[in-house]
């Protein structure tokens, strides 16, 4: 079987971009068991409640739901276990210092296969307040209306 090429998305956390202001992103590898990988290859995972934390100089991903593998036996994994993240020491120190600043958290944005290896895109994010979310939605709506007006004007001019 040929080696997998490119990037194949398994799950994305669209809600994170709504609830948080994304400051910085980093790609991390995951330490997974065999049945977790097989379940991910079937395209099954949920990042909705997921978050990452740093403890004793190591990074972990918690509350990410990877359902049990259908054909798995007693070797199946628990769906919501804490998984270790593979990052360089300097990356962990940088992320740790940003999180300790206060108000920042590590949120998974997407889970994907990159050249056959499971990866997670982590974001250093700051939580939005309710009025910030409304402001973002209003700006997006205004931008859409402006695009629509410009588009209709272009079509009328032709």
N, C-alpha and C. Protein backbone atom coordinates (compact mmCIF):
# COMPACT_ATOMS: atom_id res chain seq x y z
N UNK A 1 0.84 -1.18 0.00
CA UNK A 1 0.00 0.00 0.00
C UNK A 1 0.89 1.25 0.00
N UNK A 2 0.67 2.21 -0.91
CA UNK A 2 1.52 3.39 -0.97
C UNK A 2 1.32 4.29 0.25
N UNK A 3 2.40 4.97 0.60
CA UNK A 3 2.34 5.87 1.74
C UNK A 3 1.37 7.02 1.46
N UNK A 4 0.62 7.39 2.48
CA UNK A 4 -0.36 8.46 2.35
C UNK A 4 0.35 9.80 2.12
N UNK A 5 -0.14 10.58 1.19
CA UNK A 5 0.45 11.87 0.86
C UNK A 5 -0.52 13.00 1.20
N UNK A 6 0.01 14.17 1.54
CA UNK A 6 -0.82 15.35 1.74
C UNK A 6 -1.49 15.38 3.11
N UNK A 7 -2.52 16.23 3.17
CA UNK A 7 -3.23 16.47 4.42
C UNK A 7 -4.70 16.08 4.27
N UNK A 8 -5.19 15.25 5.20
CA UNK A 8 -6.59 14.82 5.17
C UNK A 8 -7.24 15.17 6.50
N UNK A 9 -8.20 16.08 6.45
CA UNK A 9 -8.88 16.56 7.65
C UNK A 9 -9.80 15.49 8.23
N UNK A 10 -9.73 15.30 9.54
CA UNK A 10 -10.58 14.35 10.23
C UNK A 10 -11.69 15.09 10.97
N UNK A 11 -11.32 16.13 11.74
CA UNK A 11 -12.30 16.91 12.50
C UNK A 11 -11.79 18.33 12.66
N UNK A 12 -12.73 19.28 12.68
CA UNK A 12 -12.34 20.67 12.93
C UNK A 12 -13.26 21.25 14.00
N UNK A 13 -12.74 22.21 14.72
CA UNK A 13 -13.46 22.86 15.80
C UNK A 13 -13.86 24.25 15.32
N UNK A 14 -14.97 24.35 14.60
CA UNK A 14 -15.40 25.63 14.06
C UNK A 14 -15.88 26.56 15.17
N UNK A 15 -16.37 25.98 16.23
CA UNK A 15 -16.87 26.78 17.35
C UNK A 15 -15.74 27.57 18.03
N UNK A 16 -14.53 27.04 17.99
CA UNK A 16 -13.39 27.70 18.65
C UNK A 16 -13.14 29.08 18.05
N UNK A 17 -13.28 29.21 16.74
CA UNK A 17 -13.04 30.51 16.10
C UNK A 17 -14.13 31.51 16.48
N UNK A 18 -15.30 31.02 16.88
CA UNK A 18 -16.38 31.89 17.31
C UNK A 18 -16.21 32.30 18.77
N UNK A 19 -15.78 31.37 19.61
CA UNK A 19 -15.70 31.61 21.05
C UNK A 19 -14.37 32.22 21.50
N UNK A 20 -13.34 32.14 20.67
CA UNK A 20 -12.02 32.61 21.07
C UNK A 20 -11.40 33.52 20.01
N UNK A 21 -10.52 34.40 20.47
CA UNK A 21 -9.67 35.18 19.57
C UNK A 21 -8.37 34.40 19.45
N UNK A 22 -8.07 33.96 18.23
CA UNK A 22 -6.89 33.13 18.00
C UNK A 22 -5.65 34.02 17.90
N UNK A 23 -4.66 33.77 18.76
CA UNK A 23 -3.44 34.56 18.76
C UNK A 23 -2.33 33.89 17.93
N UNK A 24 -2.14 32.59 18.15
CA UNK A 24 -1.03 31.88 17.51
C UNK A 24 -1.44 30.42 17.34
N UNK A 25 -0.89 29.75 16.31
CA UNK A 25 -1.19 28.33 16.12
C UNK A 25 0.11 27.53 16.04
N UNK A 26 0.01 26.25 16.41
CA UNK A 26 1.16 25.36 16.35
C UNK A 26 0.65 23.95 16.01
N UNK A 27 1.45 23.21 15.25
CA UNK A 27 1.10 21.84 14.89
C UNK A 27 1.80 20.88 15.85
N UNK A 28 1.04 19.90 16.36
CA UNK A 28 1.60 18.93 17.30
C UNK A 28 1.22 17.53 16.88
N UNK A 29 2.10 16.59 17.15
CA UNK A 29 1.80 15.18 16.92
C UNK A 29 1.02 14.64 18.11
N UNK A 30 0.44 13.46 17.94
CA UNK A 30 -0.35 12.83 19.00
C UNK A 30 0.18 11.44 19.30
N UNK A 31 0.20 11.06 20.57
CA UNK A 31 0.52 9.69 20.95
C UNK A 31 -0.81 8.95 21.03
N UNK A 32 -1.04 8.02 20.10
CA UNK A 32 -2.31 7.31 20.00
C UNK A 32 -2.11 5.81 20.07
N UNK A 33 -3.17 5.09 20.42
CA UNK A 33 -3.14 3.63 20.37
C UNK A 33 -3.62 3.20 18.98
N UNK A 34 -3.48 1.93 18.66
CA UNK A 34 -3.85 1.43 17.33
C UNK A 34 -5.31 1.62 16.99
N UNK A 35 -6.21 1.36 17.96
CA UNK A 35 -7.64 1.49 17.67
C UNK A 35 -8.05 2.94 17.50
N UNK A 36 -7.33 3.86 18.16
CA UNK A 36 -7.62 5.29 17.98
C UNK A 36 -7.28 5.72 16.56
N UNK A 37 -6.15 5.26 16.06
CA UNK A 37 -5.75 5.60 14.70
C UNK A 37 -6.75 5.05 13.70
N UNK A 38 -7.19 3.81 13.90
CA UNK A 38 -8.16 3.20 12.98
C UNK A 38 -9.48 3.96 13.01
N UNK A 39 -9.91 4.38 14.19
CA UNK A 39 -11.14 5.15 14.32
C UNK A 39 -11.00 6.51 13.63
N UNK A 40 -9.84 7.15 13.77
CA UNK A 40 -9.59 8.43 13.10
C UNK A 40 -9.57 8.27 11.58
N UNK A 41 -9.00 7.17 11.10
CA UNK A 41 -8.97 6.94 9.65
C UNK A 41 -10.37 6.77 9.08
N UNK A 42 -11.32 6.36 9.91
CA UNK A 42 -12.71 6.30 9.47
C UNK A 42 -13.37 7.68 9.50
N UNK A 43 -12.62 8.68 9.97
CA UNK A 43 -13.12 10.05 9.99
C UNK A 43 -14.02 10.35 11.17
N UNK A 44 -13.77 9.70 12.29
CA UNK A 44 -14.63 9.87 13.45
C UNK A 44 -13.86 10.50 14.60
N UNK A 45 -14.23 11.74 14.96
CA UNK A 45 -13.66 12.42 16.12
C UNK A 45 -14.44 13.70 16.37
N UNK A 46 -14.35 14.20 17.59
CA UNK A 46 -15.02 15.45 17.95
C UNK A 46 -14.11 16.28 18.85
N UNK A 47 -13.89 17.52 18.45
CA UNK A 47 -13.01 18.43 19.21
C UNK A 47 -13.80 19.45 20.02
N UNK A 48 -15.11 19.30 20.09
CA UNK A 48 -15.98 20.33 20.68
C UNK A 48 -15.53 20.78 22.07
N UNK A 49 -15.36 19.87 23.01
CA UNK A 49 -15.01 20.25 24.38
C UNK A 49 -13.51 20.17 24.65
N UNK A 50 -12.73 19.90 23.63
CA UNK A 50 -11.31 19.64 23.83
C UNK A 50 -10.51 20.86 24.26
N UNK A 51 -9.44 20.59 25.00
CA UNK A 51 -8.49 21.62 25.41
C UNK A 51 -7.14 20.95 25.65
N UNK A 52 -6.11 21.74 25.67
CA UNK A 52 -4.77 21.22 25.93
C UNK A 52 -4.23 21.90 27.19
N UNK A 53 -3.34 21.20 27.86
CA UNK A 53 -2.70 21.78 29.04
C UNK A 53 -1.27 21.29 29.12
N UNK A 54 -0.46 22.01 29.90
CA UNK A 54 0.95 21.66 30.07
C UNK A 54 1.18 21.34 31.53
N UNK A 55 1.78 20.17 31.77
CA UNK A 55 2.02 19.72 33.13
C UNK A 55 3.37 19.03 33.19
N UNK A 56 4.22 19.45 34.11
CA UNK A 56 5.56 18.87 34.29
C UNK A 56 6.38 18.90 33.00
N UNK A 57 6.26 19.97 32.24
CA UNK A 57 7.05 20.12 31.02
C UNK A 57 6.57 19.28 29.85
N UNK A 58 5.38 18.72 29.93
CA UNK A 58 4.82 17.94 28.83
C UNK A 58 3.43 18.45 28.50
N UNK A 59 3.06 18.37 27.23
CA UNK A 59 1.76 18.87 26.78
C UNK A 59 0.80 17.70 26.61
N UNK A 60 -0.46 17.93 26.99
CA UNK A 60 -1.50 16.90 26.90
C UNK A 60 -2.76 17.48 26.26
N UNK A 61 -3.49 16.62 25.59
CA UNK A 61 -4.77 16.98 24.99
C UNK A 61 -5.85 16.22 25.76
N UNK A 62 -6.87 16.94 26.22
CA UNK A 62 -7.89 16.31 27.04
C UNK A 62 -9.29 16.61 26.50
N UNK A 63 -10.24 15.73 26.80
CA UNK A 63 -11.66 15.87 26.47
C UNK A 63 -11.95 15.84 24.97
N UNK A 64 -11.03 15.32 24.18
CA UNK A 64 -11.29 15.12 22.75
C UNK A 64 -11.89 13.72 22.60
N UNK A 65 -13.02 13.66 21.91
CA UNK A 65 -13.75 12.40 21.80
C UNK A 65 -13.36 11.67 20.51
N UNK A 66 -12.70 10.53 20.67
CA UNK A 66 -12.42 9.63 19.55
C UNK A 66 -13.18 8.35 19.86
N UNK A 67 -14.29 8.08 19.17
CA UNK A 67 -15.12 6.92 19.51
C UNK A 67 -14.37 5.60 19.35
N UNK A 68 -14.87 4.58 20.02
CA UNK A 68 -14.25 3.26 19.94
C UNK A 68 -14.31 2.73 18.52
N UNK A 69 -13.30 1.96 18.16
CA UNK A 69 -13.23 1.36 16.83
C UNK A 69 -14.26 0.23 16.74
N UNK A 70 -15.02 0.20 15.63
CA UNK A 70 -16.10 -0.78 15.47
C UNK A 70 -15.62 -2.22 15.58
N UNK A 71 -14.53 -2.55 14.90
CA UNK A 71 -14.04 -3.93 14.90
C UNK A 71 -13.06 -4.21 16.05
N UNK A 72 -12.92 -3.26 16.97
CA UNK A 72 -12.01 -3.45 18.08
C UNK A 72 -12.56 -4.46 19.07
N UNK A 73 -11.68 -5.10 19.82
CA UNK A 73 -12.11 -6.09 20.81
C UNK A 73 -11.80 -5.52 22.19
N UNK A 74 -11.28 -6.32 23.08
CA UNK A 74 -10.92 -5.86 24.42
C UNK A 74 -9.79 -4.84 24.38
N UNK A 75 -9.12 -4.70 23.21
CA UNK A 75 -8.01 -3.76 23.09
C UNK A 75 -8.48 -2.34 22.80
N UNK A 76 -9.80 -2.13 22.70
CA UNK A 76 -10.33 -0.79 22.41
C UNK A 76 -9.91 0.22 23.47
N UNK A 77 -9.89 1.48 23.07
CA UNK A 77 -9.45 2.57 23.93
C UNK A 77 -10.65 3.27 24.58
N UNK A 78 -10.43 3.96 25.71
CA UNK A 78 -11.49 4.80 26.26
C UNK A 78 -11.68 6.03 25.36
N UNK A 79 -12.90 6.40 25.02
CA UNK A 79 -13.13 7.48 24.05
C UNK A 79 -12.60 8.85 24.45
N UNK A 80 -12.64 9.20 25.73
CA UNK A 80 -12.23 10.54 26.16
C UNK A 80 -11.01 10.51 27.08
N UNK A 81 -9.97 9.83 26.71
CA UNK A 81 -8.79 9.77 27.57
C UNK A 81 -7.87 10.96 27.31
N UNK A 82 -6.95 11.22 28.23
CA UNK A 82 -5.95 12.27 28.06
C UNK A 82 -4.85 11.73 27.16
N UNK A 83 -4.53 12.48 26.10
CA UNK A 83 -3.51 12.04 25.14
C UNK A 83 -2.31 12.98 25.17
N UNK A 84 -1.12 12.40 25.09
CA UNK A 84 0.10 13.20 25.11
C UNK A 84 0.33 13.83 23.75
N UNK A 85 0.80 15.08 23.76
CA UNK A 85 1.13 15.79 22.52
C UNK A 85 2.64 15.77 22.31
N UNK A 86 3.03 15.66 21.06
CA UNK A 86 4.45 15.63 20.71
C UNK A 86 4.87 17.01 20.21
N UNK A 87 5.63 17.72 21.04
CA UNK A 87 6.12 19.05 20.71
C UNK A 87 7.59 19.16 21.13
N UNK A 88 8.32 20.07 20.52
CA UNK A 88 9.69 20.34 20.94
C UNK A 88 9.66 21.07 22.27
N UNK A 89 10.72 20.93 23.04
CA UNK A 89 10.79 21.54 24.36
C UNK A 89 10.61 23.06 24.29
N UNK A 90 11.22 23.68 23.29
CA UNK A 90 11.10 25.13 23.14
C UNK A 90 9.66 25.55 22.86
N UNK A 91 8.95 24.75 22.05
CA UNK A 91 7.55 25.04 21.77
C UNK A 91 6.72 24.94 23.05
N UNK A 92 6.99 23.92 23.86
CA UNK A 92 6.25 23.74 25.11
C UNK A 92 6.52 24.91 26.05
N UNK A 93 7.77 25.34 26.16
CA UNK A 93 8.10 26.47 27.02
C UNK A 93 7.41 27.75 26.55
N UNK A 94 7.39 27.96 25.24
CA UNK A 94 6.75 29.15 24.68
C UNK A 94 5.24 29.13 24.97
N UNK A 95 4.60 27.98 24.73
CA UNK A 95 3.17 27.86 24.99
C UNK A 95 2.87 28.02 26.48
N UNK A 96 3.71 27.42 27.31
CA UNK A 96 3.51 27.49 28.75
C UNK A 96 3.57 28.94 29.24
N UNK A 97 4.53 29.70 28.73
CA UNK A 97 4.65 31.09 29.17
C UNK A 97 3.45 31.92 28.71
N UNK A 98 2.94 31.64 27.51
CA UNK A 98 1.75 32.37 27.01
C UNK A 98 0.52 32.05 27.85
N UNK A 99 0.35 30.79 28.24
CA UNK A 99 -0.82 30.39 29.02
C UNK A 99 -0.74 30.97 30.44
N UNK A 100 0.47 31.05 31.00
CA UNK A 100 0.64 31.59 32.34
C UNK A 100 0.39 33.09 32.40
N UNK A 101 0.46 33.77 31.24
CA UNK A 101 0.19 35.21 31.20
C UNK A 101 -1.19 35.52 31.77
N UNK A 102 -2.10 34.62 31.59
CA UNK A 102 -3.44 34.82 32.10
C UNK A 102 -4.41 35.14 30.98
N UNK A 103 -5.57 34.53 31.04
CA UNK A 103 -6.58 34.77 30.02
C UNK A 103 -6.42 33.94 28.77
N UNK A 104 -5.28 33.27 28.62
CA UNK A 104 -5.03 32.46 27.43
C UNK A 104 -5.25 30.98 27.72
N UNK A 105 -5.65 30.25 26.71
CA UNK A 105 -5.85 28.81 26.82
C UNK A 105 -5.40 28.14 25.53
N UNK A 106 -5.17 26.85 25.59
CA UNK A 106 -4.78 26.08 24.40
C UNK A 106 -6.00 25.32 23.91
N UNK A 107 -6.40 25.61 22.67
CA UNK A 107 -7.61 25.02 22.10
C UNK A 107 -7.25 24.28 20.82
N UNK A 108 -7.72 23.04 20.64
CA UNK A 108 -7.49 22.34 19.37
C UNK A 108 -8.41 22.89 18.28
N UNK A 109 -7.83 23.25 17.13
CA UNK A 109 -8.62 23.78 16.02
C UNK A 109 -8.99 22.69 15.03
N UNK A 110 -8.04 21.79 14.74
CA UNK A 110 -8.34 20.73 13.78
C UNK A 110 -7.49 19.50 14.08
N UNK A 111 -8.01 18.37 13.65
CA UNK A 111 -7.35 17.08 13.80
C UNK A 111 -7.25 16.49 12.40
N UNK A 112 -6.05 16.12 11.96
CA UNK A 112 -5.87 15.69 10.58
C UNK A 112 -4.70 14.74 10.46
N UNK A 113 -4.61 14.10 9.30
CA UNK A 113 -3.46 13.26 8.96
C UNK A 113 -2.58 14.04 8.01
N UNK A 114 -1.32 14.17 8.34
CA UNK A 114 -0.35 14.83 7.47
C UNK A 114 0.69 13.79 7.09
N UNK A 115 0.69 13.39 5.83
CA UNK A 115 1.58 12.34 5.33
C UNK A 115 1.47 11.06 6.17
N UNK A 116 0.25 10.72 6.55
CA UNK A 116 0.00 9.47 7.25
C UNK A 116 0.13 9.53 8.76
N UNK A 117 0.54 10.68 9.31
CA UNK A 117 0.70 10.82 10.76
C UNK A 117 -0.39 11.71 11.32
N UNK A 118 -0.98 11.32 12.44
CA UNK A 118 -2.04 12.10 13.07
C UNK A 118 -1.45 13.35 13.71
N UNK A 119 -2.04 14.49 13.39
CA UNK A 119 -1.58 15.78 13.91
C UNK A 119 -2.78 16.56 14.44
N UNK A 120 -2.51 17.48 15.34
CA UNK A 120 -3.55 18.38 15.84
C UNK A 120 -3.01 19.81 15.74
N UNK A 121 -3.86 20.73 15.29
CA UNK A 121 -3.48 22.14 15.22
C UNK A 121 -3.99 22.80 16.49
N UNK A 122 -3.05 23.26 17.31
CA UNK A 122 -3.39 23.92 18.58
C UNK A 122 -3.32 25.42 18.41
N UNK A 123 -4.20 26.13 19.12
CA UNK A 123 -4.20 27.59 19.07
C UNK A 123 -4.05 28.14 20.47
N UNK A 124 -3.22 29.17 20.59
CA UNK A 124 -3.17 29.95 21.82
C UNK A 124 -4.28 30.97 21.65
N UNK A 125 -5.31 30.88 22.50
CA UNK A 125 -6.50 31.68 22.29
C UNK A 125 -6.93 32.38 23.56
N UNK A 126 -7.62 33.49 23.35
CA UNK A 126 -8.18 34.26 24.47
C UNK A 126 -9.69 34.25 24.30
N UNK A 127 -10.41 33.94 25.36
CA UNK A 127 -11.86 33.86 25.30
C UNK A 127 -12.51 35.18 24.95
N UNK A 128 -13.51 35.14 24.07
CA UNK A 128 -14.26 36.34 23.71
C UNK A 128 -15.41 36.53 24.68
N UNK A 129 -15.74 37.77 24.93
CA UNK A 129 -16.93 38.07 25.72
C UNK A 129 -18.12 38.11 24.77
N UNK A 130 -19.31 38.12 25.33
CA UNK A 130 -20.53 38.06 24.52
C UNK A 130 -20.61 39.23 23.54
N UNK A 131 -20.25 40.43 23.99
CA UNK A 131 -20.33 41.58 23.09
C UNK A 131 -19.28 41.51 21.98
N UNK A 132 -18.13 40.86 22.25
CA UNK A 132 -17.12 40.67 21.20
C UNK A 132 -17.67 39.75 20.12
N UNK A 133 -18.39 38.70 20.53
CA UNK A 133 -18.95 37.76 19.56
C UNK A 133 -19.97 38.46 18.68
N UNK A 134 -20.81 39.30 19.30
CA UNK A 134 -21.81 40.04 18.51
C UNK A 134 -21.14 40.99 17.54
N UNK A 135 -20.07 41.64 17.99
CA UNK A 135 -19.34 42.57 17.13
C UNK A 135 -18.74 41.84 15.93
N UNK A 136 -18.17 40.67 16.16
CA UNK A 136 -17.60 39.87 15.08
C UNK A 136 -18.67 39.48 14.08
N UNK A 137 -19.82 39.03 14.58
CA UNK A 137 -20.92 38.66 13.68
C UNK A 137 -21.41 39.85 12.88
N UNK A 138 -21.50 41.01 13.51
CA UNK A 138 -21.94 42.23 12.82
C UNK A 138 -20.95 42.61 11.72
N UNK A 139 -19.66 42.54 12.02
CA UNK A 139 -18.64 42.87 11.02
C UNK A 139 -18.72 41.92 9.83
N UNK A 140 -18.91 40.62 10.10
CA UNK A 140 -19.02 39.65 9.03
C UNK A 140 -20.25 39.92 8.16
N UNK A 141 -21.36 40.26 8.81
CA UNK A 141 -22.59 40.55 8.08
C UNK A 141 -22.43 41.81 7.23
N UNK A 142 -21.78 42.85 7.77
CA UNK A 142 -21.55 44.07 7.01
C UNK A 142 -20.66 43.81 5.79
N UNK A 143 -19.64 42.98 5.98
CA UNK A 143 -18.74 42.63 4.89
C UNK A 143 -19.49 41.90 3.78
N UNK A 144 -20.38 40.95 4.18
CA UNK A 144 -21.18 40.22 3.19
C UNK A 144 -22.09 41.16 2.41
N UNK A 145 -22.74 42.10 3.12
CA UNK A 145 -23.63 43.04 2.45
C UNK A 145 -22.86 43.93 1.48
N UNK A 146 -21.67 44.37 1.86
CA UNK A 146 -20.86 45.19 0.97
C UNK A 146 -20.45 44.39 -0.26
N UNK A 147 -20.05 43.13 -0.05
CA UNK A 147 -19.69 42.27 -1.20
C UNK A 147 -20.88 42.08 -2.13
N UNK A 148 -22.05 41.86 -1.54
CA UNK A 148 -23.26 41.66 -2.32
C UNK A 148 -23.60 42.91 -3.14
N UNK A 149 -23.47 44.09 -2.51
CA UNK A 149 -23.76 45.34 -3.21
C UNK A 149 -22.78 45.57 -4.34
N UNK A 150 -21.51 45.30 -4.10
CA UNK A 150 -20.49 45.48 -5.15
C UNK A 150 -20.72 44.50 -6.29
N UNK A 151 -21.09 43.26 -5.93
CA UNK A 151 -21.35 42.24 -6.94
C UNK A 151 -22.54 42.61 -7.82
N UNK A 152 -23.62 43.08 -7.20
CA UNK A 152 -24.80 43.45 -7.99
C UNK A 152 -24.51 44.67 -8.85
N UNK A 153 -23.69 45.55 -8.36
CA UNK A 153 -23.33 46.75 -9.13
C UNK A 153 -22.50 46.34 -10.36
N UNK A 154 -21.61 45.37 -10.17
CA UNK A 154 -20.79 44.87 -11.29
C UNK A 154 -21.68 44.24 -12.36
N UNK A 155 -22.66 43.45 -11.91
CA UNK A 155 -23.55 42.78 -12.84
C UNK A 155 -24.44 43.76 -13.60
N UNK A 156 -24.84 44.85 -12.95
CA UNK A 156 -25.67 45.86 -13.62
C UNK A 156 -24.86 46.63 -14.66
N UNK A 157 -23.58 46.83 -14.38
CA UNK A 157 -22.72 47.59 -15.30
C UNK A 157 -22.40 46.84 -16.57
N UNK A 158 -22.57 45.52 -16.60
CA UNK A 158 -22.22 44.73 -17.77
C UNK A 158 -23.24 44.78 -18.84
